[in-house]
Amino acid sequence: MPRYYFHIRNGSGFIRDEEGRELPDEAVARDEALKGIRSIISSEASGGLLDLTGELDIADAQDEVIETLRFDEAFQLRLPGSRTS
């Protein structure tokens, strides 16, 4: 199975994933990245901070970035006055 790395850039700085995870494919790696972003934001939100300005890079075994996800892409936001479809 291929190994993927999840590097994080946010208000706390840059965190390099040194271990990575073996996952079946890029789609599963993307799903895991979204879960990771949601976990980070959930932890920060419990302390009163909602900072969606971070990014998470998904890198392959050669440390080539195959996709960058913005933290705000991990959520569907509903704000006061916004319509839902």
Protein backbone atom coordinates (compact mmCIF):
# COMPACT_ATOMS: atom_id res chain seq x y z
CA MET A 1 0.00 0.00 0.00
CA PRO A 2 1.21 3.53 -0.72
CA ARG A 3 2.30 5.79 2.15
CA TYR A 4 0.86 9.29 2.48
CA TYR A 5 2.03 12.20 4.63
CA PHE A 6 -0.16 14.97 6.02
CA HIS A 7 1.72 18.25 6.56
CA ILE A 8 -0.15 21.06 8.33
CA ARG A 9 0.19 24.85 8.06
CA ASN A 10 -1.95 26.92 10.40
CA GLY A 11 -1.77 29.68 13.00
CA SER A 12 0.49 27.45 15.09
CA GLY A 13 3.09 27.17 12.30
CA PHE A 14 4.16 24.25 10.12
CA ILE A 15 3.90 20.66 11.32
CA ARG A 16 5.62 18.04 9.15
CA ASP A 17 4.24 14.52 9.27
CA GLU A 18 7.38 12.39 9.67
CA GLU A 19 5.60 9.02 9.91
CA GLY A 20 2.82 9.05 7.34
CA ARG A 21 0.19 6.36 6.93
CA GLU A 22 -0.26 3.48 4.55
CA LEU A 23 -3.59 3.88 2.78
CA PRO A 24 -5.14 2.18 -0.26
CA ASP A 25 -5.27 5.24 -2.54
CA GLU A 26 -5.45 9.02 -2.89
CA ALA A 27 -9.22 9.13 -2.33
CA VAL A 28 -8.85 7.47 1.08
CA ALA A 29 -5.92 9.78 1.87
CA ARG A 30 -8.13 12.78 1.07
CA ASP A 31 -10.92 11.47 3.32
CA GLU A 32 -8.41 10.96 6.14
CA ALA A 33 -7.05 14.48 5.61
CA LEU A 34 -10.55 15.96 5.90
CA LYS A 35 -11.14 14.00 9.12
CA GLY A 36 -7.84 15.29 10.46
CA ILE A 37 -8.73 18.89 9.67
CA ARG A 38 -12.10 18.48 11.39
CA SER A 39 -10.40 17.03 14.46
CA ILE A 40 -7.97 19.98 14.66
CA ILE A 41 -10.75 22.53 14.29
CA SER A 42 -12.96 20.69 16.79
CA SER A 43 -10.20 20.83 19.39
CA GLU A 44 -9.53 24.52 18.76
CA ALA A 45 -13.26 25.37 18.73
CA SER A 46 -13.73 23.83 22.18
CA GLY A 47 -11.26 26.47 23.38
CA GLY A 48 -13.20 29.25 21.66
CA LEU A 49 -11.14 29.58 18.47
CA LEU A 50 -12.49 28.94 14.98
CA ASP A 51 -9.57 29.52 12.60
CA LEU A 52 -10.18 28.09 9.12
CA THR A 53 -7.14 29.73 7.52
CA GLY A 54 -4.88 26.66 7.70
CA GLU A 55 -3.95 24.20 4.98
CA LEU A 56 -3.07 20.52 4.91
CA ASP A 57 -0.75 19.10 2.26
CA ILE A 58 -1.17 15.47 1.26
CA ALA A 59 2.22 14.20 0.09
CA ASP A 60 3.26 10.89 -1.42
CA ALA A 61 6.16 8.65 -0.39
CA GLN A 62 8.61 10.91 -2.29
CA ASP A 63 7.24 13.90 -0.32
CA GLU A 64 5.67 15.34 -3.48
CA VAL A 65 2.50 17.25 -2.61
CA ILE A 66 -0.39 15.65 -4.48
CA GLU A 67 -3.14 17.86 -3.03
CA THR A 68 -3.50 20.82 -0.70
CA LEU A 69 -6.73 21.18 1.26
CA ARG A 70 -7.74 24.44 2.88
CA PHE A 71 -9.26 23.99 6.32
CA ASP A 72 -12.48 25.68 5.20
CA GLU A 73 -12.94 22.95 2.55
CA ALA A 74 -13.59 20.43 5.34
CA PHE A 75 -16.84 22.12 6.34
CA GLN A 76 -20.20 23.24 5.06
CA LEU A 77 -20.81 26.58 6.75
CA ARG A 78 -24.22 27.90 7.66
CA LEU A 79 -24.16 31.46 8.83
CA PRO A 80 -27.01 33.66 10.06
CA GLY A 81 -28.99 34.90 7.08
CA SER A 82 -27.62 32.30 4.68
CA ARG A 83 -29.97 30.07 2.75
CA THR A 84 -29.86 26.32 2.74
CA SER A 85 -30.75 24.34 -0.36
